[in-house]
């Protein structure tokens, strides 16, 4: 994957899945042994990440995704880094995605205030 355009296309599609509540497609972007790092937990494996994502989508702020604003989107070496906000509920969030063979193998997610 690696190229900036390919990484941008991957991110755009991944975000589309989140914004349209397409949990099956969203989770399919993750490798079976993917790991997600959050301030509260380290989540191992696609099925556990699915639970985390389903909980996020079930409890997302009312402004999501209409009020999402990106302060940064950076791409390189199979890594995507984003900084975003979503209205008053999530004034600051950051995520990093590490990809291998077109799949997310590792991700970080932190939001302020923390969204559980």
N, C-alpha and C. Protein backbone atom coordinates (compact mmCIF):
# COMPACT_ATOMS: atom_id res chain seq x y z
N UNK A 1 0.86 -1.18 0.00
CA UNK A 1 0.00 0.00 0.00
C UNK A 1 0.90 1.23 0.00
N UNK A 2 1.32 1.76 1.09
CA UNK A 2 2.37 2.73 1.24
C UNK A 2 2.20 4.10 0.62
N UNK A 3 1.78 4.19 -0.63
CA UNK A 3 1.68 5.48 -1.28
C UNK A 3 0.64 6.35 -0.59
N UNK A 4 0.92 7.66 -0.59
CA UNK A 4 0.02 8.61 0.06
C UNK A 4 -1.41 8.50 -0.49
N UNK A 5 -1.57 8.43 -1.80
CA UNK A 5 -2.90 8.35 -2.40
C UNK A 5 -3.63 7.08 -1.96
N UNK A 6 -2.93 5.96 -1.89
CA UNK A 6 -3.56 4.71 -1.45
C UNK A 6 -3.97 4.78 0.01
N UNK A 7 -3.11 5.36 0.84
CA UNK A 7 -3.43 5.51 2.25
C UNK A 7 -4.61 6.46 2.45
N UNK A 8 -4.64 7.55 1.69
CA UNK A 8 -5.75 8.48 1.78
C UNK A 8 -7.06 7.80 1.37
N UNK A 9 -7.02 7.03 0.30
CA UNK A 9 -8.21 6.31 -0.16
C UNK A 9 -8.68 5.32 0.92
N UNK A 10 -7.73 4.63 1.54
CA UNK A 10 -8.07 3.68 2.61
C UNK A 10 -8.76 4.43 3.75
N UNK A 11 -8.18 5.55 4.18
CA UNK A 11 -8.76 6.31 5.28
C UNK A 11 -10.15 6.82 4.91
N UNK A 12 -10.31 7.35 3.72
CA UNK A 12 -11.61 7.86 3.30
C UNK A 12 -12.67 6.75 3.37
N UNK A 13 -12.33 5.57 2.90
CA UNK A 13 -13.28 4.45 2.93
C UNK A 13 -13.56 4.01 4.36
N UNK A 14 -12.53 3.93 5.18
CA UNK A 14 -12.68 3.52 6.58
C UNK A 14 -13.59 4.51 7.32
N UNK A 15 -13.36 5.80 7.11
CA UNK A 15 -14.21 6.81 7.74
C UNK A 15 -15.65 6.72 7.24
N UNK A 16 -15.82 6.46 5.97
CA UNK A 16 -17.17 6.29 5.41
C UNK A 16 -17.92 5.17 6.13
N UNK A 17 -17.22 4.07 6.38
CA UNK A 17 -17.85 2.96 7.10
C UNK A 17 -18.29 3.40 8.50
N UNK A 18 -17.43 4.16 9.19
CA UNK A 18 -17.77 4.63 10.53
C UNK A 18 -18.95 5.60 10.48
N UNK A 19 -18.92 6.50 9.53
CA UNK A 19 -19.96 7.53 9.44
C UNK A 19 -21.30 6.97 9.03
N UNK A 20 -21.31 5.82 8.37
CA UNK A 20 -22.57 5.21 7.94
C UNK A 20 -22.96 4.01 8.82
N UNK A 21 -22.27 3.86 9.95
CA UNK A 21 -22.55 2.77 10.91
C UNK A 21 -22.44 1.39 10.28
N UNK A 22 -21.55 1.23 9.32
CA UNK A 22 -21.36 -0.07 8.66
C UNK A 22 -20.30 -0.85 9.44
N UNK A 23 -20.72 -1.42 10.55
CA UNK A 23 -19.79 -2.08 11.47
C UNK A 23 -19.08 -3.26 10.81
N UNK A 24 -19.77 -4.02 9.98
CA UNK A 24 -19.15 -5.18 9.35
C UNK A 24 -17.99 -4.75 8.44
N UNK A 25 -18.22 -3.74 7.61
CA UNK A 25 -17.17 -3.25 6.72
C UNK A 25 -16.05 -2.59 7.51
N UNK A 26 -16.40 -1.86 8.56
CA UNK A 26 -15.41 -1.20 9.40
C UNK A 26 -14.47 -2.22 10.02
N UNK A 27 -15.02 -3.25 10.58
CA UNK A 27 -14.22 -4.29 11.25
C UNK A 27 -13.41 -5.09 10.23
N UNK A 28 -13.92 -5.25 9.02
CA UNK A 28 -13.20 -5.99 7.99
C UNK A 28 -11.88 -5.33 7.60
N UNK A 29 -11.71 -4.05 7.94
CA UNK A 29 -10.45 -3.35 7.67
C UNK A 29 -9.32 -3.79 8.60
N UNK A 30 -9.65 -4.51 9.67
CA UNK A 30 -8.66 -4.91 10.67
C UNK A 30 -8.18 -6.34 10.44
N UNK A 31 -6.90 -6.55 10.63
CA UNK A 31 -6.34 -7.90 10.60
C UNK A 31 -6.89 -8.69 11.79
N UNK A 32 -6.92 -10.00 11.66
CA UNK A 32 -7.43 -10.85 12.75
C UNK A 32 -6.72 -10.59 14.07
N UNK A 33 -5.41 -10.34 14.01
CA UNK A 33 -4.62 -10.15 15.22
C UNK A 33 -4.29 -8.68 15.49
N UNK A 34 -5.11 -7.77 14.97
CA UNK A 34 -4.89 -6.34 15.16
C UNK A 34 -4.93 -5.99 16.64
N UNK A 35 -4.31 -4.86 16.97
CA UNK A 35 -4.29 -4.38 18.35
C UNK A 35 -4.67 -2.91 18.34
N UNK A 36 -5.49 -2.52 19.31
CA UNK A 36 -5.96 -1.14 19.44
C UNK A 36 -5.54 -0.63 20.82
N UNK A 37 -4.79 0.46 20.83
CA UNK A 37 -4.33 1.07 22.06
C UNK A 37 -5.20 2.28 22.37
N UNK A 38 -5.80 2.32 23.57
CA UNK A 38 -6.57 3.46 24.04
C UNK A 38 -6.03 3.84 25.42
N UNK A 39 -6.39 5.01 25.93
CA UNK A 39 -5.95 5.37 27.28
C UNK A 39 -6.46 4.41 28.34
N UNK A 40 -7.58 3.74 28.07
CA UNK A 40 -8.20 2.87 29.06
C UNK A 40 -7.85 1.40 28.94
N UNK A 41 -7.42 0.98 27.75
CA UNK A 41 -7.21 -0.46 27.54
C UNK A 41 -6.38 -0.71 26.29
N UNK A 42 -5.80 -1.88 26.24
CA UNK A 42 -5.20 -2.40 25.03
C UNK A 42 -6.12 -3.52 24.58
N UNK A 43 -6.63 -3.39 23.37
CA UNK A 43 -7.65 -4.30 22.88
C UNK A 43 -7.03 -5.16 21.79
N UNK A 44 -7.05 -6.46 22.00
CA UNK A 44 -6.42 -7.40 21.09
C UNK A 44 -7.44 -8.17 20.28
N UNK A 45 -7.21 -8.25 18.98
CA UNK A 45 -8.01 -9.10 18.12
C UNK A 45 -9.22 -8.41 17.52
N UNK A 46 -9.54 -8.83 16.32
CA UNK A 46 -10.64 -8.24 15.57
C UNK A 46 -11.97 -8.31 16.32
N UNK A 47 -12.28 -9.42 16.96
CA UNK A 47 -13.58 -9.53 17.64
C UNK A 47 -13.69 -8.56 18.80
N UNK A 48 -12.62 -8.37 19.55
CA UNK A 48 -12.64 -7.41 20.66
C UNK A 48 -12.67 -5.97 20.14
N UNK A 49 -11.98 -5.72 19.04
CA UNK A 49 -12.03 -4.39 18.43
C UNK A 49 -13.44 -4.12 17.93
N UNK A 50 -14.09 -5.14 17.42
CA UNK A 50 -15.49 -4.99 16.98
C UNK A 50 -16.36 -4.51 18.14
N UNK A 51 -16.19 -5.10 19.31
CA UNK A 51 -16.97 -4.68 20.48
C UNK A 51 -16.72 -3.22 20.81
N UNK A 52 -15.45 -2.80 20.78
CA UNK A 52 -15.09 -1.42 21.06
C UNK A 52 -15.75 -0.48 20.05
N UNK A 53 -15.64 -0.81 18.77
CA UNK A 53 -16.20 0.04 17.72
C UNK A 53 -17.73 0.08 17.78
N UNK A 54 -18.35 -1.06 18.05
CA UNK A 54 -19.81 -1.11 18.17
C UNK A 54 -20.27 -0.23 19.33
N UNK A 55 -19.54 -0.28 20.43
CA UNK A 55 -19.88 0.56 21.58
C UNK A 55 -19.73 2.04 21.21
N UNK A 56 -18.63 2.38 20.52
CA UNK A 56 -18.44 3.77 20.09
C UNK A 56 -19.59 4.22 19.20
N UNK A 57 -19.95 3.43 18.22
CA UNK A 57 -21.01 3.81 17.29
C UNK A 57 -22.37 3.88 17.99
N UNK A 58 -22.61 2.97 18.94
CA UNK A 58 -23.87 2.99 19.68
C UNK A 58 -23.98 4.21 20.59
N UNK A 59 -22.84 4.74 21.03
CA UNK A 59 -22.83 5.85 21.99
C UNK A 59 -22.18 7.11 21.43
N UNK A 60 -22.10 7.19 20.13
CA UNK A 60 -21.42 8.33 19.51
C UNK A 60 -22.13 9.63 19.84
N UNK A 61 -21.37 10.72 19.83
CA UNK A 61 -21.98 12.03 20.10
C UNK A 61 -23.02 12.37 19.04
N UNK A 62 -24.02 13.15 19.40
CA UNK A 62 -25.06 13.50 18.42
C UNK A 62 -24.50 14.28 17.23
N UNK A 63 -23.35 14.92 17.41
CA UNK A 63 -22.73 15.70 16.33
C UNK A 63 -21.98 14.83 15.33
N UNK A 64 -21.81 13.56 15.62
CA UNK A 64 -20.99 12.66 14.80
C UNK A 64 -21.82 12.12 13.65
N UNK A 65 -21.41 12.23 12.42
CA UNK A 65 -20.15 12.80 11.92
C UNK A 65 -20.28 14.22 11.38
N UNK A 66 -21.48 14.82 11.45
CA UNK A 66 -21.71 16.11 10.79
C UNK A 66 -20.71 17.20 11.20
N UNK A 67 -20.30 17.21 12.47
CA UNK A 67 -19.43 18.28 12.95
C UNK A 67 -17.95 17.89 13.03
N UNK A 68 -17.55 16.79 12.41
CA UNK A 68 -16.14 16.41 12.44
C UNK A 68 -15.32 17.40 11.63
N UNK A 69 -14.24 17.83 12.25
CA UNK A 69 -13.28 18.70 11.58
C UNK A 69 -11.89 18.09 11.78
N UNK A 70 -11.12 18.04 10.71
CA UNK A 70 -9.77 17.48 10.79
C UNK A 70 -8.74 18.60 10.90
N UNK A 71 -7.88 18.50 11.90
CA UNK A 71 -6.77 19.43 12.05
C UNK A 71 -5.52 18.88 11.38
N UNK A 72 -5.45 17.56 11.22
CA UNK A 72 -4.29 16.95 10.57
C UNK A 72 -4.69 15.61 9.96
N UNK A 73 -4.12 15.35 8.80
CA UNK A 73 -4.17 14.03 8.15
C UNK A 73 -2.80 13.86 7.53
N UNK A 74 -2.05 12.89 8.03
CA UNK A 74 -0.70 12.64 7.54
C UNK A 74 -0.59 11.19 7.12
N UNK A 75 0.19 10.95 6.06
CA UNK A 75 0.29 9.62 5.47
C UNK A 75 1.74 9.31 5.12
N UNK A 76 2.20 8.10 5.43
CA UNK A 76 3.52 7.67 5.00
C UNK A 76 3.93 6.35 5.61
N UNK A 77 4.68 5.56 4.84
CA UNK A 77 5.23 4.29 5.32
C UNK A 77 4.16 3.38 5.94
N UNK A 78 3.02 3.28 5.27
CA UNK A 78 1.91 2.44 5.75
C UNK A 78 1.35 2.89 7.09
N UNK A 79 1.47 4.19 7.38
CA UNK A 79 0.93 4.76 8.61
C UNK A 79 0.04 5.95 8.25
N UNK A 80 -1.10 6.03 8.93
CA UNK A 80 -2.02 7.14 8.80
C UNK A 80 -2.16 7.77 10.18
N UNK A 81 -2.01 9.09 10.23
CA UNK A 81 -2.15 9.84 11.49
C UNK A 81 -3.18 10.92 11.28
N UNK A 82 -4.20 10.97 12.17
CA UNK A 82 -5.22 12.00 12.07
C UNK A 82 -5.44 12.67 13.43
N UNK A 83 -5.79 13.94 13.37
CA UNK A 83 -6.22 14.70 14.54
C UNK A 83 -7.55 15.33 14.14
N UNK A 84 -8.55 15.18 14.99
CA UNK A 84 -9.88 15.65 14.64
C UNK A 84 -10.64 16.12 15.87
N UNK A 85 -11.75 16.80 15.62
CA UNK A 85 -12.67 17.20 16.68
C UNK A 85 -14.09 16.95 16.18
N UNK A 86 -15.03 16.91 17.14
CA UNK A 86 -16.43 16.71 16.77
C UNK A 86 -17.30 17.50 17.74
N UNK A 87 -17.53 18.74 17.39
CA UNK A 87 -18.37 19.60 18.21
C UNK A 87 -17.86 19.73 19.64
N UNK A 88 -18.74 20.10 20.55
CA UNK A 88 -18.32 20.28 21.95
C UNK A 88 -18.08 18.96 22.69
N UNK A 89 -18.60 17.87 22.16
CA UNK A 89 -18.47 16.59 22.85
C UNK A 89 -17.05 16.04 22.78
N UNK A 90 -16.42 16.15 21.63
CA UNK A 90 -15.04 15.69 21.45
C UNK A 90 -14.24 16.85 20.84
N UNK A 91 -13.70 17.73 21.70
CA UNK A 91 -12.96 18.87 21.16
C UNK A 91 -11.60 18.50 20.59
N UNK A 92 -11.10 17.30 20.91
CA UNK A 92 -9.78 16.90 20.40
C UNK A 92 -9.68 15.38 20.44
N UNK A 93 -9.28 14.80 19.30
CA UNK A 93 -9.04 13.35 19.23
C UNK A 93 -7.89 13.09 18.28
N UNK A 94 -7.19 12.02 18.52
CA UNK A 94 -6.08 11.64 17.66
C UNK A 94 -6.09 10.13 17.47
N UNK A 95 -5.74 9.73 16.25
CA UNK A 95 -5.67 8.31 15.93
C UNK A 95 -4.47 8.07 15.02
N UNK A 96 -3.88 6.93 15.18
CA UNK A 96 -2.83 6.46 14.29
C UNK A 96 -3.20 5.05 13.84
N UNK A 97 -3.09 4.81 12.54
CA UNK A 97 -3.37 3.49 11.97
C UNK A 97 -2.10 2.97 11.32
N UNK A 98 -1.71 1.76 11.66
CA UNK A 98 -0.57 1.09 11.03
C UNK A 98 -1.13 -0.03 10.17
N UNK A 99 -0.79 0.00 8.89
CA UNK A 99 -1.33 -0.98 7.94
C UNK A 99 -0.25 -1.93 7.45
N UNK A 100 -0.67 -3.13 7.15
CA UNK A 100 0.19 -4.13 6.52
C UNK A 100 -0.71 -4.92 5.56
N UNK A 101 -0.27 -5.02 4.32
CA UNK A 101 -1.06 -5.72 3.30
C UNK A 101 -2.49 -5.22 3.23
N UNK A 102 -2.66 -3.90 3.36
CA UNK A 102 -3.98 -3.30 3.23
C UNK A 102 -4.92 -3.49 4.40
N UNK A 103 -4.40 -3.96 5.53
CA UNK A 103 -5.22 -4.18 6.72
C UNK A 103 -4.62 -3.41 7.89
N UNK A 104 -5.49 -2.94 8.79
CA UNK A 104 -5.02 -2.29 10.00
C UNK A 104 -4.48 -3.36 10.93
N UNK A 105 -3.20 -3.23 11.30
CA UNK A 105 -2.60 -4.18 12.24
C UNK A 105 -2.47 -3.57 13.63
N UNK A 106 -2.40 -2.24 13.70
CA UNK A 106 -2.31 -1.56 14.98
C UNK A 106 -2.96 -0.19 14.84
N UNK A 107 -3.59 0.26 15.93
CA UNK A 107 -4.23 1.56 15.94
C UNK A 107 -4.10 2.15 17.33
N UNK A 108 -3.96 3.47 17.39
CA UNK A 108 -4.09 4.19 18.65
C UNK A 108 -5.31 5.08 18.53
N UNK A 109 -5.98 5.30 19.66
CA UNK A 109 -7.13 6.20 19.70
C UNK A 109 -7.17 6.86 21.06
N UNK A 110 -7.23 8.19 21.06
CA UNK A 110 -7.42 8.96 22.29
C UNK A 110 -8.26 10.16 21.97
N UNK A 111 -9.21 10.46 22.83
CA UNK A 111 -10.09 11.61 22.67
C UNK A 111 -10.22 12.34 23.99
N UNK A 112 -10.36 13.63 23.89
CA UNK A 112 -10.52 14.45 25.08
C UNK A 112 -11.81 15.23 24.95
N UNK A 113 -12.77 15.12 25.84
CA UNK A 113 -12.67 14.18 26.95
C UNK A 113 -12.78 12.75 26.45
N UNK A 114 -12.30 11.83 27.24
CA UNK A 114 -12.31 10.43 26.83
C UNK A 114 -13.72 9.97 26.56
N UNK A 115 -13.89 9.33 25.42
CA UNK A 115 -15.20 8.79 25.05
C UNK A 115 -15.18 7.29 25.30
N UNK A 116 -16.05 6.83 26.17
CA UNK A 116 -16.08 5.40 26.49
C UNK A 116 -17.29 4.75 25.89
